[in-house]
Amino acid sequence: VVGGLDSLAGALIAGFLLGILEAFTEGILTPNLEEFLRSVSSI
């Protein structure tokens, strides 16, 4: 959907994009967000 339903090149580029976003979310965003939430709440 991100690359375009009828675009093979779009699927390739969107696959790289989502892979990188997932990696940064798991490795940076999630730990920092959890650390912040623990400091201000019981989450």
PDB file of all heavy atoms in Angstrom:
ATOM      1  N   VAL A   1       0.843  -1.198   0.000  1.00  0.00           N
ATOM      2  CA  VAL A   1       0.000   0.000   0.000  1.00  0.00           C
ATOM      3  C   VAL A   1       0.879   1.250   0.000  1.00  0.00           C
ATOM      4  O   VAL A   1       0.615   2.211  -0.723  1.00  0.00           O
ATOM      5  CB  VAL A   1      -0.958   0.007   1.211  1.00  0.00           C
ATOM      6  CG1 VAL A   1      -1.658   1.349   1.335  1.00  0.00           C
ATOM      7  CG2 VAL A   1      -1.987  -1.107   1.069  1.00  0.00           C
ATOM      8  N   VAL A   2       1.940   1.231   0.805  1.00  0.00           N
ATOM      9  CA  VAL A   2       2.848   2.378   0.853  1.00  0.00           C
ATOM     10  C   VAL A   2       3.581   2.545  -0.481  1.00  0.00           C
ATOM     11  O   VAL A   2       3.704   3.654  -1.014  1.00  0.00           O
ATOM     12  CB  VAL A   2       3.865   2.223   2.003  1.00  0.00           C
ATOM     13  CG1 VAL A   2       4.937   3.306   1.930  1.00  0.00           C
ATOM     14  CG2 VAL A   2       3.145   2.290   3.351  1.00  0.00           C
ATOM     15  N   GLY A   3       4.064   1.448  -1.047  1.00  0.00           N
ATOM     16  CA  GLY A   3       4.802   1.534  -2.296  1.00  0.00           C
ATOM     17  C   GLY A   3       3.917   1.753  -3.505  1.00  0.00           C
ATOM     18  O   GLY A   3       4.342   2.351  -4.493  1.00  0.00           O
ATOM     19  N   GLY A   4       2.676   1.276  -3.435  1.00  0.00           N
ATOM     20  CA  GLY A   4       1.767   1.339  -4.578  1.00  0.00           C
ATOM     21  C   GLY A   4       1.384  -0.069  -4.998  1.00  0.00           C
ATOM     22  O   GLY A   4       2.265  -0.894  -5.272  1.00  0.00           O
ATOM     23  N   LEU A   5       0.079  -0.355  -5.042  1.00  0.00           N
ATOM     24  CA  LEU A   5      -0.384  -1.714  -5.312  1.00  0.00           C
ATOM     25  C   LEU A   5       0.100  -2.265  -6.649  1.00  0.00           C
ATOM     26  O   LEU A   5       0.249  -3.472  -6.804  1.00  0.00           O
ATOM     27  CB  LEU A   5      -1.920  -1.750  -5.279  1.00  0.00           C
ATOM     28  CG  LEU A   5      -2.572  -1.897  -3.898  1.00  0.00           C
ATOM     29  CD1 LEU A   5      -4.072  -1.720  -4.017  1.00  0.00           C
ATOM     30  CD2 LEU A   5      -2.247  -3.251  -3.300  1.00  0.00           C
ATOM     31  N   ASP A   6       0.343  -1.390  -7.617  1.00  0.00           N
ATOM     32  CA  ASP A   6       0.732  -1.860  -8.944  1.00  0.00           C
ATOM     33  C   ASP A   6       2.189  -1.552  -9.268  1.00  0.00           C
ATOM     34  O   ASP A   6       2.586  -1.593 -10.423  1.00  0.00           O
ATOM     35  CB  ASP A   6      -0.171  -1.244 -10.012  1.00  0.00           C
ATOM     36  CG  ASP A   6      -0.142   0.279  -9.995  1.00  0.00           C
ATOM     37  OD1 ASP A   6       0.496   0.846  -9.087  1.00  0.00           O
ATOM     38  OD2 ASP A   6      -0.767   0.892 -10.878  1.00  0.00           O
ATOM     39  N   SER A   7       3.008  -1.275  -8.250  1.00  0.00           N
ATOM     40  CA  SER A   7       4.397  -0.898  -8.486  1.00  0.00           C
ATOM     41  C   SER A   7       5.350  -1.895  -7.846  1.00  0.00           C
ATOM     42  O   SER A   7       5.420  -2.010  -6.617  1.00  0.00           O
ATOM     43  CB  SER A   7       4.673   0.510  -7.929  1.00  0.00           C
ATOM     44  OG  SER A   7       6.043   0.830  -8.039  1.00  0.00           O
ATOM     45  N   LEU A   8       6.092  -2.630  -8.667  1.00  0.00           N
ATOM     46  CA  LEU A   8       7.083  -3.567  -8.152  1.00  0.00           C
ATOM     47  C   LEU A   8       8.257  -2.832  -7.507  1.00  0.00           C
ATOM     48  O   LEU A   8       8.744  -3.229  -6.442  1.00  0.00           O
ATOM     49  CB  LEU A   8       7.591  -4.456  -9.291  1.00  0.00           C
ATOM     50  CG  LEU A   8       6.554  -5.425  -9.886  1.00  0.00           C
ATOM     51  CD1 LEU A   8       7.098  -6.058 -11.160  1.00  0.00           C
ATOM     52  CD2 LEU A   8       6.179  -6.502  -8.889  1.00  0.00           C
ATOM     53  N   ALA A   9       8.713  -1.759  -8.138  1.00  0.00           N
ATOM     54  CA  ALA A   9       9.802  -0.968  -7.550  1.00  0.00           C
ATOM     55  C   ALA A   9       9.352  -0.328  -6.244  1.00  0.00           C
ATOM     56  O   ALA A   9      10.133  -0.204  -5.294  1.00  0.00           O
ATOM     57  CB  ALA A   9      10.262   0.101  -8.537  1.00  0.00           C
ATOM     58  N   GLY A  10       8.089   0.091  -6.178  1.00  0.00           N
ATOM     59  CA  GLY A  10       7.550   0.676  -4.951  1.00  0.00           C
ATOM     60  C   GLY A  10       7.564  -0.316  -3.805  1.00  0.00           C
ATOM     61  O   GLY A  10       7.860   0.043  -2.654  1.00  0.00           O
ATOM     62  N   ALA A  11       7.265  -1.588  -4.092  1.00  0.00           N
ATOM     63  CA  ALA A  11       7.306  -2.621  -3.050  1.00  0.00           C
ATOM     64  C   ALA A  11       8.716  -2.786  -2.504  1.00  0.00           C
ATOM     65  O   ALA A  11       8.914  -2.961  -1.293  1.00  0.00           O
ATOM     66  CB  ALA A  11       6.792  -3.946  -3.611  1.00  0.00           C
ATOM     67  N   LEU A  12       9.704  -2.714  -3.393  1.00  0.00           N
ATOM     68  CA  LEU A  12      11.099  -2.848  -2.964  1.00  0.00           C
ATOM     69  C   LEU A  12      11.503  -1.705  -2.035  1.00  0.00           C
ATOM     70  O   LEU A  12      12.045  -1.926  -0.942  1.00  0.00           O
ATOM     71  CB  LEU A  12      12.002  -2.884  -4.191  1.00  0.00           C
ATOM     72  CG  LEU A  12      13.511  -2.930  -3.945  1.00  0.00           C
ATOM     73  CD1 LEU A  12      13.887  -4.162  -3.158  1.00  0.00           C
ATOM     74  CD2 LEU A  12      14.275  -2.892  -5.263  1.00  0.00           C
ATOM     75  N   ILE A  13      11.228  -0.474  -2.446  1.00  0.00           N
ATOM     76  CA  ILE A  13      11.626   0.688  -1.654  1.00  0.00           C
ATOM     77  C   ILE A  13      10.840   0.753  -0.348  1.00  0.00           C
ATOM     78  O   ILE A  13      11.395   1.037   0.722  1.00  0.00           O
ATOM     79  CB  ILE A  13      11.438   1.972  -2.479  1.00  0.00           C
ATOM     80  CG1 ILE A  13      12.408   1.964  -3.667  1.00  0.00           C
ATOM     81  CG2 ILE A  13      11.669   3.220  -1.623  1.00  0.00           C
ATOM     82  CD1 ILE A  13      12.214   3.092  -4.630  1.00  0.00           C
ATOM     83  N   ALA A  14       9.532   0.474  -0.403  1.00  0.00           N
ATOM     84  CA  ALA A  14       8.711   0.506   0.812  1.00  0.00           C
ATOM     85  C   ALA A  14       9.132  -0.589   1.786  1.00  0.00           C
ATOM     86  O   ALA A  14       9.068  -0.407   3.009  1.00  0.00           O
ATOM     87  CB  ALA A  14       7.232   0.360   0.455  1.00  0.00           C
ATOM     88  N   GLY A  15       9.576  -1.736   1.275  1.00  0.00           N
ATOM     89  CA  GLY A  15      10.063  -2.801   2.153  1.00  0.00           C
ATOM     90  C   GLY A  15      11.281  -2.351   2.946  1.00  0.00           C
ATOM     91  O   GLY A  15      11.367  -2.569   4.165  1.00  0.00           O
ATOM     92  N   PHE A  16      12.241  -1.710   2.266  1.00  0.00           N
ATOM     93  CA  PHE A  16      13.402  -1.167   2.969  1.00  0.00           C
ATOM     94  C   PHE A  16      12.979  -0.122   4.004  1.00  0.00           C
ATOM     95  O   PHE A  16      13.484  -0.094   5.133  1.00  0.00           O
ATOM     96  CB  PHE A  16      14.373  -0.531   1.980  1.00  0.00           C
ATOM     97  CG  PHE A  16      15.166  -1.525   1.185  1.00  0.00           C
ATOM     98  CD1 PHE A  16      15.260  -1.423  -0.194  1.00  0.00           C
ATOM     99  CD2 PHE A  16      15.819  -2.574   1.802  1.00  0.00           C
ATOM    100  CE1 PHE A  16      15.997  -2.335  -0.938  1.00  0.00           C
ATOM    101  CE2 PHE A  16      16.558  -3.498   1.085  1.00  0.00           C
ATOM    102  CZ  PHE A  16      16.647  -3.378  -0.295  1.00  0.00           C
ATOM    103  N   LEU A  17      12.047   0.751   3.625  1.00  0.00           N
ATOM    104  CA  LEU A  17      11.596   1.819   4.520  1.00  0.00           C
ATOM    105  C   LEU A  17      10.972   1.263   5.784  1.00  0.00           C
ATOM    106  O   LEU A  17      11.322   1.675   6.907  1.00  0.00           O
ATOM    107  CB  LEU A  17      10.595   2.714   3.785  1.00  0.00           C
ATOM    108  CG  LEU A  17       9.917   3.817   4.608  1.00  0.00           C
ATOM    109  CD1 LEU A  17      10.956   4.802   5.132  1.00  0.00           C
ATOM    110  CD2 LEU A  17       8.870   4.543   3.782  1.00  0.00           C
ATOM    111  N   LEU A  18      10.083   0.290   5.635  1.00  0.00           N
ATOM    112  CA  LEU A  18       9.408  -0.265   6.816  1.00  0.00           C
ATOM    113  C   LEU A  18      10.378  -1.076   7.675  1.00  0.00           C
ATOM    114  O   LEU A  18      10.270  -1.069   8.904  1.00  0.00           O
ATOM    115  CB  LEU A  18       8.234  -1.135   6.375  1.00  0.00           C
ATOM    116  CG  LEU A  18       6.981  -0.379   5.937  1.00  0.00           C
ATOM    117  CD1 LEU A  18       5.870  -1.345   5.558  1.00  0.00           C
ATOM    118  CD2 LEU A  18       6.479   0.536   7.044  1.00  0.00           C
ATOM    119  N   GLY A  19      11.306  -1.761   7.043  1.00  0.00           N
ATOM    120  CA  GLY A  19      12.300  -2.508   7.819  1.00  0.00           C
ATOM    121  C   GLY A  19      13.133  -1.595   8.699  1.00  0.00           C
ATOM    122  O   GLY A  19      13.374  -1.892   9.882  1.00  0.00           O
ATOM    123  N   ILE A  20      13.567  -0.467   8.152  1.00  0.00           N
ATOM    124  CA  ILE A  20      14.361   0.498   8.922  1.00  0.00           C
ATOM    125  C   ILE A  20      13.515   1.130  10.026  1.00  0.00           C
ATOM    126  O   ILE A  20      13.973   1.289  11.169  1.00  0.00           O
ATOM    127  CB  ILE A  20      14.942   1.571   7.987  1.00  0.00           C
ATOM    128  CG1 ILE A  20      15.996   0.948   7.068  1.00  0.00           C
ATOM    129  CG2 ILE A  20      15.565   2.720   8.788  1.00  0.00           C
ATOM    130  CD1 ILE A  20      16.507   1.884   5.995  1.00  0.00           C
ATOM    131  N   LEU A  21      12.267   1.498   9.713  1.00  0.00           N
ATOM    132  CA  LEU A  21      11.391   2.093  10.731  1.00  0.00           C
ATOM    133  C   LEU A  21      11.148   1.129  11.889  1.00  0.00           C
ATOM    134  O   LEU A  21      11.154   1.529  13.057  1.00  0.00           O
ATOM    135  CB  LEU A  21      10.058   2.502  10.101  1.00  0.00           C
ATOM    136  CG  LEU A  21      10.056   3.779   9.251  1.00  0.00           C
ATOM    137  CD1 LEU A  21       8.683   4.000   8.622  1.00  0.00           C
ATOM    138  CD2 LEU A  21      10.445   4.985  10.103  1.00  0.00           C
ATOM    139  N   GLU A  22      10.932  -0.137  11.578  1.00  0.00           N
ATOM    140  CA  GLU A  22      10.729  -1.134  12.631  1.00  0.00           C
ATOM    141  C   GLU A  22      11.968  -1.255  13.513  1.00  0.00           C
ATOM    142  O   GLU A  22      11.863  -1.331  14.753  1.00  0.00           O
ATOM    143  CB  GLU A  22      10.397  -2.491  12.016  1.00  0.00           C
ATOM    144  CG  GLU A  22       8.951  -2.650  11.593  1.00  0.00           C
ATOM    145  CD  GLU A  22       8.622  -4.078  11.259  1.00  0.00           C
ATOM    146  OE1 GLU A  22       9.554  -4.911  11.207  1.00  0.00           O
ATOM    147  OE2 GLU A  22       7.438  -4.367  11.043  1.00  0.00           O
ATOM    148  N   ALA A  23      13.141  -1.309  12.882  1.00  0.00           N
ATOM    149  CA  ALA A  23      14.379  -1.451  13.645  1.00  0.00           C
ATOM    150  C   ALA A  23      14.610  -0.262  14.567  1.00  0.00           C
ATOM    151  O   ALA A  23      14.977  -0.427  15.747  1.00  0.00           O
ATOM    152  CB  ALA A  23      15.570  -1.624  12.685  1.00  0.00           C
ATOM    153  N   PHE A  24      14.394   0.959  14.091  1.00  0.00           N
ATOM    154  CA  PHE A  24      14.591   2.146  14.919  1.00  0.00           C
ATOM    155  C   PHE A  24      13.538   2.241  16.017  1.00  0.00           C
ATOM    156  O   PHE A  24      13.818   2.710  17.122  1.00  0.00           O
ATOM    157  CB  PHE A  24      14.567   3.413  14.051  1.00  0.00           C
ATOM    158  CG  PHE A  24      15.907   3.766  13.474  1.00  0.00           C
ATOM    159  CD1 PHE A  24      16.386   3.118  12.343  1.00  0.00           C
ATOM    160  CD2 PHE A  24      16.705   4.729  14.068  1.00  0.00           C
ATOM    161  CE1 PHE A  24      17.633   3.429  11.813  1.00  0.00           C
ATOM    162  CE2 PHE A  24      17.949   5.056  13.553  1.00  0.00           C
ATOM    163  CZ  PHE A  24      18.415   4.397  12.423  1.00  0.00           C
ATOM    164  N   THR A  25      12.318   1.783  15.711  1.00  0.00           N
ATOM    165  CA  THR A  25      11.272   1.799  16.740  1.00  0.00           C
ATOM    166  C   THR A  25      11.622   0.852  17.872  1.00  0.00           C
ATOM    167  O   THR A  25      11.511   1.197  19.051  1.00  0.00           O
ATOM    168  CB  THR A  25       9.922   1.405  16.128  1.00  0.00           C
ATOM    169  OG1 THR A  25       9.572   2.335  15.088  1.00  0.00           O
ATOM    170  CG2 THR A  25       8.820   1.419  17.189  1.00  0.00           C
ATOM    171  N   GLU A  26      12.065  -0.354  17.514  1.00  0.00           N
ATOM    172  CA  GLU A  26      12.398  -1.347  18.532  1.00  0.00           C
ATOM    173  C   GLU A  26      13.671  -0.992  19.284  1.00  0.00           C
ATOM    174  O   GLU A  26      13.765  -1.222  20.500  1.00  0.00           O
ATOM    175  CB  GLU A  26      12.536  -2.723  17.873  1.00  0.00           C
ATOM    176  CG  GLU A  26      12.778  -3.852  18.862  1.00  0.00           C
ATOM    177  CD  GLU A  26      12.837  -5.207  18.192  1.00  0.00           C
ATOM    178  OE1 GLU A  26      12.869  -5.252  16.939  1.00  0.00           O
ATOM    179  OE2 GLU A  26      12.855  -6.227  18.898  1.00  0.00           O
ATOM    180  N   GLY A  27      14.650  -0.431  18.592  1.00  0.00           N
ATOM    181  CA  GLY A  27      15.943  -0.196  19.220  1.00  0.00           C
ATOM    182  C   GLY A  27      16.091   1.134  19.920  1.00  0.00           C
ATOM    183  O   GLY A  27      16.886   1.258  20.860  1.00  0.00           O
ATOM    184  N   ILE A  28      15.318   2.168  19.505  1.00  0.00           N
ATOM    185  CA  ILE A  28      15.478   3.502  20.084  1.00  0.00           C
ATOM    186  C   ILE A  28      14.178   4.041  20.673  1.00  0.00           C
ATOM    187  O   ILE A  28      14.124   4.425  21.843  1.00  0.00           O
ATOM    188  CB  ILE A  28      16.009   4.490  19.015  1.00  0.00           C
ATOM    189  CG1 ILE A  28      17.429   4.083  18.583  1.00  0.00           C
ATOM    190  CG2 ILE A  28      16.017   5.917  19.554  1.00  0.00           C
ATOM    191  CD1 ILE A  28      18.012   4.965  17.494  1.00  0.00           C
ATOM    192  N   LEU A  29      13.116   4.073  19.858  1.00  0.00           N
ATOM    193  CA  LEU A  29      11.876   4.700  20.307  1.00  0.00           C
ATOM    194  C   LEU A  29      11.243   3.970  21.482  1.00  0.00           C
ATOM    195  O   LEU A  29      10.884   4.601  22.491  1.00  0.00           O
ATOM    196  CB  LEU A  29      10.879   4.767  19.144  1.00  0.00           C
ATOM    197  CG  LEU A  29       9.510   5.378  19.464  1.00  0.00           C
ATOM    198  CD1 LEU A  29       9.663   6.816  19.966  1.00  0.00           C
ATOM    199  CD2 LEU A  29       8.593   5.327  18.244  1.00  0.00           C
ATOM    200  N   THR A  30      11.111   2.655  21.383  1.00  0.00           N
ATOM    201  CA  THR A  30      10.453   1.894  22.451  1.00  0.00           C
ATOM    202  C   THR A  30      11.192   1.999  23.786  1.00  0.00           C
ATOM    203  O   THR A  30      10.572   2.299  24.815  1.00  0.00           O
ATOM    204  CB  THR A  30      10.293   0.425  22.031  1.00  0.00           C
ATOM    205  OG1 THR A  30       9.438   0.349  20.876  1.00  0.00           O
ATOM    206  CG2 THR A  30       9.671  -0.397  23.157  1.00  0.00           C
ATOM    207  N   PRO A  31      12.530   1.768  23.857  1.00  0.00           N
ATOM    208  CA  PRO A  31      13.220   1.903  25.153  1.00  0.00           C
ATOM    209  C   PRO A  31      13.114   3.304  25.755  1.00  0.00           C
ATOM    210  O   PRO A  31      12.907   3.456  26.963  1.00  0.00           O
ATOM    211  CB  PRO A  31      14.669   1.554  24.821  1.00  0.00           C
ATOM    212  CG  PRO A  31      14.599   0.742  23.576  1.00  0.00           C
ATOM    213  CD  PRO A  31      13.450   1.301  22.810  1.00  0.00           C
ATOM    214  N   ASN A  32      13.266   4.347  24.925  1.00  0.00           N
ATOM    215  CA  ASN A  32      13.188   5.716  25.443  1.00  0.00           C
ATOM    216  C   ASN A  32      11.773   6.055  25.908  1.00  0.00           C
ATOM    217  O   ASN A  32      11.602   6.733  26.934  1.00  0.00           O
ATOM    218  CB  ASN A  32      13.620   6.712  24.362  1.00  0.00           C
ATOM    219  CG  ASN A  32      15.109   6.650  24.076  1.00  0.00           C
ATOM    220  OD1 ASN A  32      15.896   6.254  24.938  1.00  0.00           O
ATOM    221  ND2 ASN A  32      15.508   7.021  22.872  1.00  0.00           N
ATOM    222  N   LEU A  33      10.774   5.598  25.170  1.00  0.00           N
ATOM    223  CA  LEU A  33       9.392   5.856  25.572  1.00  0.00           C
ATOM    224  C   LEU A  33       9.052   5.137  26.863  1.00  0.00           C
ATOM    225  O   LEU A  33       8.387   5.709  27.749  1.00  0.00           O
ATOM    226  CB  LEU A  33       8.441   5.416  24.451  1.00  0.00           C
ATOM    227  CG  LEU A  33       6.943   5.649  24.695  1.00  0.00           C
ATOM    228  CD1 LEU A  33       6.665   7.125  24.944  1.00  0.00           C
ATOM    229  CD2 LEU A  33       6.120   5.128  23.521  1.00  0.00           C
ATOM    230  N   GLU A  34       9.505   3.895  27.018  1.00  0.00           N
ATOM    231  CA  GLU A  34       9.254   3.152  28.250  1.00  0.00           C
ATOM    232  C   GLU A  34       9.954   3.802  29.442  1.00  0.00           C
ATOM    233  O   GLU A  34       9.386   3.873  30.546  1.00  0.00           O
ATOM    234  CB  GLU A  34       9.718   1.701  28.080  1.00  0.00           C
ATOM    235  CG  GLU A  34       8.815   0.873  27.179  1.00  0.00           C
ATOM    236  CD  GLU A  34       9.307  -0.541  26.995  1.00  0.00           C
ATOM    237  OE1 GLU A  34      10.503  -0.793  27.290  1.00  0.00           O
ATOM    238  OE2 GLU A  34       8.529  -1.399  26.567  1.00  0.00           O
ATOM    239  N   GLU A  35      11.167   4.278  29.238  1.00  0.00           N
ATOM    240  CA  GLU A  35      11.894   4.961  30.312  1.00  0.00           C
ATOM    241  C   GLU A  35      11.154   6.226  30.749  1.00  0.00           C
ATOM    242  O   GLU A  35      11.035   6.517  31.955  1.00  0.00           O
ATOM    243  CB  GLU A  35      13.299   5.308  29.843  1.00  0.00           C
ATOM    244  CG  GLU A  35      14.158   5.971  30.913  1.00  0.00           C
ATOM    245  CD  GLU A  35      15.556   6.274  30.421  1.00  0.00           C
ATOM    246  OE1 GLU A  35      15.884   5.886  29.273  1.00  0.00           O
ATOM    247  OE2 GLU A  35      16.323   6.897  31.173  1.00  0.00           O
ATOM    248  N   PHE A  36      10.635   6.966  29.778  1.00  0.00           N
ATOM    249  CA  PHE A  36       9.872   8.179  30.097  1.00  0.00           C
ATOM    250  C   PHE A  36       8.591   7.842  30.847  1.00  0.00           C
ATOM    251  O   PHE A  36       8.255   8.489  31.864  1.00  0.00           O
ATOM    252  CB  PHE A  36       9.549   8.937  28.813  1.00  0.00           C
ATOM    253  CG  PHE A  36       8.588  10.075  29.007  1.00  0.00           C
ATOM    254  CD1 PHE A  36       8.999  11.261  29.599  1.00  0.00           C
ATOM    255  CD2 PHE A  36       7.260   9.939  28.616  1.00  0.00           C
ATOM    256  CE1 PHE A  36       8.101  12.308  29.797  1.00  0.00           C
ATOM    257  CE2 PHE A  36       6.356  10.983  28.811  1.00  0.00           C
ATOM    258  CZ  PHE A  36       6.774  12.166  29.402  1.00  0.00           C
ATOM    259  N   LEU A  37       7.871   6.832  30.394  1.00  0.00           N
ATOM    260  CA  LEU A  37       6.603   6.468  31.033  1.00  0.00           C
ATOM    261  C   LEU A  37       6.820   5.958  32.449  1.00  0.00           C
ATOM    262  O   LEU A  37       6.000   6.220  33.345  1.00  0.00           O
ATOM    263  CB  LEU A  37       5.872   5.423  30.187  1.00  0.00           C
ATOM    264  CG  LEU A  37       5.310   5.914  28.847  1.00  0.00           C
ATOM    265  CD1 LEU A  37       4.718   4.757  28.059  1.00  0.00           C
ATOM    266  CD2 LEU A  37       4.243   6.988  29.073  1.00  0.00           C
ATOM    267  N   ARG A  38       7.909   5.235  32.678  1.00  0.00           N
ATOM    268  CA  ARG A  38       8.193   4.747  34.029  1.00  0.00           C
ATOM    269  C   ARG A  38       8.491   5.896  34.989  1.00  0.00           C
ATOM    270  O   ARG A  38       8.228   5.804  36.193  1.00  0.00           O
ATOM    271  CB  ARG A  38       9.385   3.794  33.992  1.00  0.00           C
ATOM    272  CG  ARG A  38       9.112   2.467  33.310  1.00  0.00           C
ATOM    273  CD  ARG A  38      10.255   1.479  33.518  1.00  0.00           C
ATOM    274  NE  ARG A  38      10.129   0.322  32.663  1.00  0.00           N
ATOM    275  CZ  ARG A  38      10.869   0.115  31.569  1.00  0.00           C
ATOM    276  NH1 ARG A  38      11.824   0.982  31.266  1.00  0.00           N
ATOM    277  NH2 ARG A  38      10.680  -0.956  30.825  1.00  0.00           N
ATOM    278  N   SER A  39       9.048   6.975  34.450  1.00  0.00           N
ATOM    279  CA  SER A  39       9.389   8.116  35.300  1.00  0.00           C
ATOM    280  C   SER A  39       8.179   8.967  35.662  1.00  0.00           C
ATOM    281  O   SER A  39       8.210   9.683  36.666  1.00  0.00           O
ATOM    282  CB  SER A  39      10.443   8.994  34.614  1.00  0.00           C
ATOM    283  OG  SER A  39       9.902   9.585  33.443  1.00  0.00           O
ATOM    284  N   VAL A  40       7.122   8.911  34.866  1.00  0.00           N
ATOM    285  CA  VAL A  40       5.953   9.768  35.122  1.00  0.00           C
ATOM    286  C   VAL A  40       4.702   8.985  35.449  1.00  0.00           C
ATOM    287  O   VAL A  40       3.671   9.582  35.797  1.00  0.00           O
ATOM    288  CB  VAL A  40       5.672  10.674  33.896  1.00  0.00           C
ATOM    289  CG1 VAL A  40       6.856  11.602  33.646  1.00  0.00           C
ATOM    290  CG2 VAL A  40       5.340   9.855  32.665  1.00  0.00           C
ATOM    291  N   SER A  41       4.751   7.640  35.352  1.00  0.00           N
ATOM    292  CA  SER A  41       3.549   6.842  35.619  1.00  0.00           C
ATOM    293  C   SER A  41       3.957   5.454  36.064  1.00  0.00           C
ATOM    294  O   SER A  41       5.141   5.155  36.247  1.00  0.00           O
ATOM    295  CB  SER A  41       2.673   6.763  34.357  1.00  0.00           C
ATOM    296  OG  SER A  41       3.329   6.002  33.354  1.00  0.00           O
ATOM    297  N   SER A  42       2.957   4.618  36.230  1.00  0.00           N
ATOM    298  CA  SER A  42       3.214   3.229  36.641  1.00  0.00           C
ATOM    299  C   SER A  42       3.317   2.288  35.448  1.00  0.00           C
ATOM    300  O   SER A  42       3.439   1.076  35.619  1.00  0.00           O
ATOM    301  CB  SER A  42       2.085   2.747  37.570  1.00  0.00           C
ATOM    302  OG  SER A  42       0.827   2.814  36.892  1.00  0.00           O
ATOM    303  N   ILE A  43       3.262   2.804  34.249  1.00  0.00           N
ATOM    304  CA  ILE A  43       3.360   1.986  33.044  1.00  0.00           C
ATOM    305  C   ILE A  43       4.799   1.495  32.889  1.00  0.00           C
ATOM    306  O   ILE A  43       5.739   2.281  32.907  1.00  0.00           O
ATOM    307  CB  ILE A  43       2.934   2.785  31.792  1.00  0.00           C
ATOM    308  CG1 ILE A  43       1.474   3.208  31.915  1.00  0.00           C
ATOM    309  CG2 ILE A  43       3.138   1.948  30.529  1.00  0.00           C
ATOM    310  CD1 ILE A  43       0.996   4.083  30.777  1.00  0.00           C
TER     311      ILE A  43
END
